Amino acid sequence: MRSCVLVSYLAIFHAARAILFADGFREKSHFAVARYLENRYVDKGLLEEKWVKLLDHYREMRHQDRYSTSFFTTEEEVGNALDSAREFVERMSKLLE
């Protein structure tokens, strides 16, 4: 189950990175991707803030998954992560249009 959360985050992260790449930028950290979307798209009203919050949420979960020995996830969280990843990728695709 933990791998589902990680893979969901990676789908979210790479969809967000696609926006940076389309704009001619490369990220320097996972944190920087969210800040770029926030500054370039949310602040200008081109993207809803909830997507950056979602990216930050799963980035933090990924950090816990990778670096904490006590990280635990439920089936519900796994389902939410998969749904969130699908929705995030769809939204970033629309942003790229």
N, C-alpha and C. Protein backbone atom coordinates (compact mmCIF):
# COMPACT_ATOMS: atom_id res chain seq x y z
N MET A 1 0.82 -1.20 0.00
CA MET A 1 0.00 0.00 0.00
C MET A 1 0.86 1.26 0.00
N ARG A 2 1.97 1.22 0.71
CA ARG A 2 2.84 2.40 0.76
C ARG A 2 3.32 2.78 -0.63
N SER A 3 3.58 1.79 -1.46
CA SER A 3 4.08 2.10 -2.80
C SER A 3 3.03 2.82 -3.62
N CYS A 4 1.75 2.59 -3.36
CA CYS A 4 0.69 3.31 -4.08
C CYS A 4 0.73 4.79 -3.78
N VAL A 5 0.99 5.14 -2.54
CA VAL A 5 1.09 6.55 -2.17
C VAL A 5 2.30 7.17 -2.85
N LEU A 6 3.41 6.46 -2.85
CA LEU A 6 4.63 6.97 -3.50
C LEU A 6 4.41 7.15 -5.00
N VAL A 7 3.82 6.17 -5.64
CA VAL A 7 3.60 6.25 -7.09
C VAL A 7 2.59 7.36 -7.41
N SER A 8 1.59 7.52 -6.56
CA SER A 8 0.62 8.61 -6.77
C SER A 8 1.33 9.96 -6.68
N TYR A 9 2.19 10.11 -5.68
CA TYR A 9 2.94 11.35 -5.57
C TYR A 9 3.81 11.57 -6.81
N LEU A 10 4.46 10.54 -7.27
CA LEU A 10 5.33 10.70 -8.45
C LEU A 10 4.54 11.13 -9.68
N ALA A 11 3.32 10.62 -9.84
CA ALA A 11 2.47 11.07 -10.94
C ALA A 11 2.14 12.55 -10.80
N ILE A 12 1.83 12.97 -9.58
CA ILE A 12 1.53 14.37 -9.30
C ILE A 12 2.76 15.23 -9.56
N PHE A 13 3.89 14.82 -9.02
CA PHE A 13 5.13 15.57 -9.16
C PHE A 13 5.53 15.73 -10.63
N HIS A 14 5.48 14.65 -11.39
CA HIS A 14 5.90 14.73 -12.78
C HIS A 14 4.91 15.52 -13.64
N ALA A 15 3.65 15.48 -13.30
CA ALA A 15 2.67 16.31 -14.00
C ALA A 15 2.97 17.79 -13.74
N ALA A 16 3.32 18.12 -12.51
CA ALA A 16 3.68 19.50 -12.16
C ALA A 16 4.98 19.89 -12.85
N ARG A 17 5.94 18.99 -12.89
CA ARG A 17 7.21 19.26 -13.57
C ARG A 17 6.99 19.56 -15.06
N ALA A 18 6.01 18.90 -15.65
CA ALA A 18 5.72 19.14 -17.06
C ALA A 18 5.37 20.59 -17.31
N ILE A 19 4.70 21.21 -16.35
CA ILE A 19 4.36 22.64 -16.48
C ILE A 19 5.64 23.47 -16.48
N LEU A 20 6.55 23.18 -15.56
CA LEU A 20 7.82 23.90 -15.52
C LEU A 20 8.58 23.73 -16.82
N PHE A 21 8.66 22.49 -17.29
CA PHE A 21 9.39 22.22 -18.53
C PHE A 21 8.77 22.97 -19.70
N ALA A 22 7.45 22.99 -19.75
CA ALA A 22 6.76 23.71 -20.84
C ALA A 22 7.07 25.20 -20.79
N ASP A 23 7.31 25.71 -19.60
CA ASP A 23 7.66 27.12 -19.42
C ASP A 23 9.15 27.38 -19.57
N GLY A 24 9.92 26.32 -19.81
CA GLY A 24 11.35 26.48 -20.02
C GLY A 24 12.19 26.45 -18.76
N PHE A 25 11.65 25.87 -17.68
CA PHE A 25 12.38 25.81 -16.41
C PHE A 25 12.60 24.37 -15.97
N ARG A 26 13.61 24.19 -15.12
CA ARG A 26 13.85 22.92 -14.44
C ARG A 26 13.80 23.18 -12.95
N GLU A 27 13.29 22.20 -12.24
CA GLU A 27 13.17 22.39 -10.79
C GLU A 27 14.50 22.09 -10.11
N LYS A 28 14.67 22.66 -8.95
CA LYS A 28 15.85 22.40 -8.13
C LYS A 28 15.51 21.52 -6.94
N SER A 29 14.23 21.40 -6.63
CA SER A 29 13.80 20.55 -5.52
C SER A 29 12.31 20.26 -5.67
N HIS A 30 11.84 19.27 -4.94
CA HIS A 30 10.41 18.95 -4.96
C HIS A 30 9.61 20.14 -4.43
N PHE A 31 10.12 20.78 -3.40
CA PHE A 31 9.47 21.95 -2.81
C PHE A 31 9.34 23.07 -3.84
N ALA A 32 10.38 23.27 -4.66
CA ALA A 32 10.40 24.37 -5.63
C ALA A 32 9.31 24.22 -6.68
N VAL A 33 8.93 23.01 -7.02
CA VAL A 33 7.89 22.81 -8.03
C VAL A 33 6.58 23.42 -7.54
N ALA A 34 6.22 23.16 -6.31
CA ALA A 34 4.98 23.73 -5.75
C ALA A 34 5.05 25.24 -5.69
N ARG A 35 6.20 25.78 -5.28
CA ARG A 35 6.33 27.23 -5.18
C ARG A 35 6.23 27.88 -6.56
N TYR A 36 6.79 27.22 -7.58
CA TYR A 36 6.70 27.76 -8.93
C TYR A 36 5.24 27.82 -9.37
N LEU A 37 4.50 26.74 -9.19
CA LEU A 37 3.09 26.74 -9.58
C LEU A 37 2.32 27.82 -8.83
N GLU A 38 2.64 27.96 -7.57
CA GLU A 38 1.98 28.96 -6.74
C GLU A 38 2.24 30.37 -7.26
N ASN A 39 3.49 30.67 -7.51
CA ASN A 39 3.87 32.02 -7.95
C ASN A 39 3.48 32.31 -9.38
N ARG A 40 3.62 31.36 -10.24
CA ARG A 40 3.39 31.59 -11.67
C ARG A 40 1.93 31.43 -12.08
N TYR A 41 1.20 30.53 -11.41
CA TYR A 41 -0.15 30.23 -11.86
C TYR A 41 -1.24 30.58 -10.84
N VAL A 42 -1.06 30.23 -9.59
CA VAL A 42 -2.10 30.52 -8.60
C VAL A 42 -2.22 32.02 -8.38
N ASP A 43 -1.09 32.68 -8.18
CA ASP A 43 -1.12 34.12 -7.92
C ASP A 43 -1.71 34.93 -9.06
N LYS A 44 -1.68 34.37 -10.26
CA LYS A 44 -2.24 35.06 -11.44
C LYS A 44 -3.65 34.58 -11.77
N GLY A 45 -4.20 33.70 -10.93
CA GLY A 45 -5.57 33.22 -11.14
C GLY A 45 -5.72 32.19 -12.24
N LEU A 46 -4.62 31.57 -12.64
CA LEU A 46 -4.66 30.58 -13.71
C LEU A 46 -4.81 29.15 -13.20
N LEU A 47 -4.63 28.96 -11.90
CA LEU A 47 -4.70 27.65 -11.29
C LEU A 47 -5.27 27.80 -9.88
N GLU A 48 -6.14 26.90 -9.51
CA GLU A 48 -6.73 26.94 -8.18
C GLU A 48 -5.68 26.51 -7.14
N GLU A 49 -5.71 27.17 -5.99
CA GLU A 49 -4.74 26.92 -4.94
C GLU A 49 -4.78 25.49 -4.42
N LYS A 50 -5.94 24.85 -4.53
CA LYS A 50 -6.07 23.49 -3.99
C LYS A 50 -5.09 22.52 -4.62
N TRP A 51 -4.68 22.79 -5.87
CA TRP A 51 -3.75 21.87 -6.54
C TRP A 51 -2.35 21.96 -5.94
N VAL A 52 -1.94 23.15 -5.58
CA VAL A 52 -0.62 23.32 -4.94
C VAL A 52 -0.66 22.70 -3.54
N LYS A 53 -1.76 22.89 -2.84
CA LYS A 53 -1.90 22.27 -1.52
C LYS A 53 -1.86 20.75 -1.63
N LEU A 54 -2.49 20.22 -2.65
CA LEU A 54 -2.47 18.78 -2.88
C LEU A 54 -1.06 18.29 -3.15
N LEU A 55 -0.33 19.00 -3.99
CA LEU A 55 1.06 18.66 -4.28
C LEU A 55 1.89 18.69 -3.00
N ASP A 56 1.72 19.72 -2.19
CA ASP A 56 2.45 19.82 -0.92
C ASP A 56 2.07 18.68 0.03
N HIS A 57 0.81 18.36 0.10
CA HIS A 57 0.34 17.29 0.98
C HIS A 57 1.01 15.96 0.63
N TYR A 58 0.98 15.61 -0.65
CA TYR A 58 1.57 14.33 -1.05
C TYR A 58 3.09 14.37 -1.05
N ARG A 59 3.68 15.54 -1.21
CA ARG A 59 5.13 15.67 -1.07
C ARG A 59 5.53 15.35 0.37
N GLU A 60 4.77 15.87 1.32
CA GLU A 60 5.05 15.59 2.72
C GLU A 60 4.82 14.12 3.06
N MET A 61 3.76 13.52 2.49
CA MET A 61 3.53 12.09 2.70
C MET A 61 4.68 11.27 2.12
N ARG A 62 5.16 11.66 0.97
CA ARG A 62 6.28 10.96 0.34
C ARG A 62 7.51 11.03 1.25
N HIS A 63 7.73 12.21 1.81
CA HIS A 63 8.87 12.38 2.71
C HIS A 63 8.74 11.43 3.92
N GLN A 64 7.55 11.38 4.49
CA GLN A 64 7.32 10.47 5.62
C GLN A 64 7.52 9.01 5.20
N ASP A 65 7.00 8.68 4.04
CA ASP A 65 7.12 7.31 3.54
C ASP A 65 8.57 6.90 3.35
N ARG A 66 9.36 7.79 2.82
CA ARG A 66 10.75 7.46 2.52
C ARG A 66 11.67 7.52 3.72
N TYR A 67 11.40 8.41 4.67
CA TYR A 67 12.37 8.67 5.72
C TYR A 67 11.91 8.34 7.14
N SER A 68 10.67 7.92 7.30
CA SER A 68 10.17 7.58 8.63
C SER A 68 9.96 6.08 8.74
N THR A 69 10.39 5.53 9.83
CA THR A 69 10.18 4.09 10.05
C THR A 69 8.79 3.82 10.61
N SER A 70 8.07 4.86 10.99
CA SER A 70 6.75 4.67 11.58
C SER A 70 5.61 5.09 10.64
N PHE A 71 5.92 5.35 9.39
CA PHE A 71 4.87 5.78 8.45
C PHE A 71 3.91 4.62 8.20
N PHE A 72 2.63 4.93 8.24
CA PHE A 72 1.59 3.94 8.00
C PHE A 72 0.50 4.59 7.18
N THR A 73 -0.08 3.85 6.27
CA THR A 73 -1.17 4.38 5.47
C THR A 73 -2.32 3.38 5.45
N THR A 74 -3.51 3.89 5.26
CA THR A 74 -4.70 3.04 5.23
C THR A 74 -5.15 2.81 3.80
N GLU A 75 -6.04 1.87 3.62
CA GLU A 75 -6.60 1.63 2.29
C GLU A 75 -7.33 2.86 1.77
N GLU A 76 -8.00 3.55 2.67
CA GLU A 76 -8.72 4.77 2.28
C GLU A 76 -7.74 5.83 1.76
N GLU A 77 -6.63 6.01 2.46
CA GLU A 77 -5.62 6.98 2.02
C GLU A 77 -5.03 6.58 0.67
N VAL A 78 -4.85 5.30 0.47
CA VAL A 78 -4.33 4.83 -0.82
C VAL A 78 -5.32 5.16 -1.93
N GLY A 79 -6.59 4.88 -1.69
CA GLY A 79 -7.62 5.21 -2.69
C GLY A 79 -7.68 6.70 -2.96
N ASN A 80 -7.58 7.50 -1.91
CA ASN A 80 -7.57 8.96 -2.07
C ASN A 80 -6.35 9.42 -2.87
N ALA A 81 -5.21 8.82 -2.60
CA ALA A 81 -3.98 9.19 -3.32
C ALA A 81 -4.11 8.88 -4.80
N LEU A 82 -4.65 7.72 -5.12
CA LEU A 82 -4.81 7.35 -6.54
C LEU A 82 -5.80 8.29 -7.24
N ASP A 83 -6.91 8.59 -6.57
CA ASP A 83 -7.90 9.52 -7.15
C ASP A 83 -7.29 10.92 -7.32
N SER A 84 -6.57 11.36 -6.30
CA SER A 84 -5.95 12.69 -6.35
C SER A 84 -4.94 12.78 -7.49
N ALA A 85 -4.16 11.74 -7.67
CA ALA A 85 -3.16 11.74 -8.74
C ALA A 85 -3.84 11.85 -10.10
N ARG A 86 -4.91 11.07 -10.29
CA ARG A 86 -5.63 11.13 -11.57
C ARG A 86 -6.18 12.53 -11.82
N GLU A 87 -6.80 13.12 -10.82
CA GLU A 87 -7.38 14.45 -10.95
C GLU A 87 -6.30 15.51 -11.18
N PHE A 88 -5.19 15.38 -10.49
CA PHE A 88 -4.09 16.34 -10.64
C PHE A 88 -3.51 16.29 -12.05
N VAL A 89 -3.28 15.10 -12.54
CA VAL A 89 -2.74 14.95 -13.90
C VAL A 89 -3.70 15.54 -14.91
N GLU A 90 -4.99 15.29 -14.74
CA GLU A 90 -5.99 15.87 -15.64
C GLU A 90 -5.94 17.39 -15.60
N ARG A 91 -5.82 17.96 -14.41
CA ARG A 91 -5.81 19.43 -14.29
C ARG A 91 -4.56 20.03 -14.91
N MET A 92 -3.41 19.38 -14.72
CA MET A 92 -2.18 19.89 -15.32
C MET A 92 -2.25 19.76 -16.84
N SER A 93 -2.88 18.72 -17.33
CA SER A 93 -3.06 18.58 -18.79
C SER A 93 -3.85 19.74 -19.36
N LYS A 94 -4.90 20.13 -18.65
CA LYS A 94 -5.71 21.29 -19.08
C LYS A 94 -4.90 22.57 -19.05
N LEU A 95 -4.04 22.69 -18.04
CA LEU A 95 -3.20 23.88 -17.92
C LEU A 95 -2.22 23.97 -19.09
N LEU A 96 -1.80 22.82 -19.58
CA LEU A 96 -0.85 22.80 -20.70
C LEU A 96 -1.51 23.12 -22.05
N GLU A 97 -2.84 23.03 -22.12
CA GLU A 97 -3.54 23.28 -23.40
C GLU A 97 -3.47 24.72 -23.82
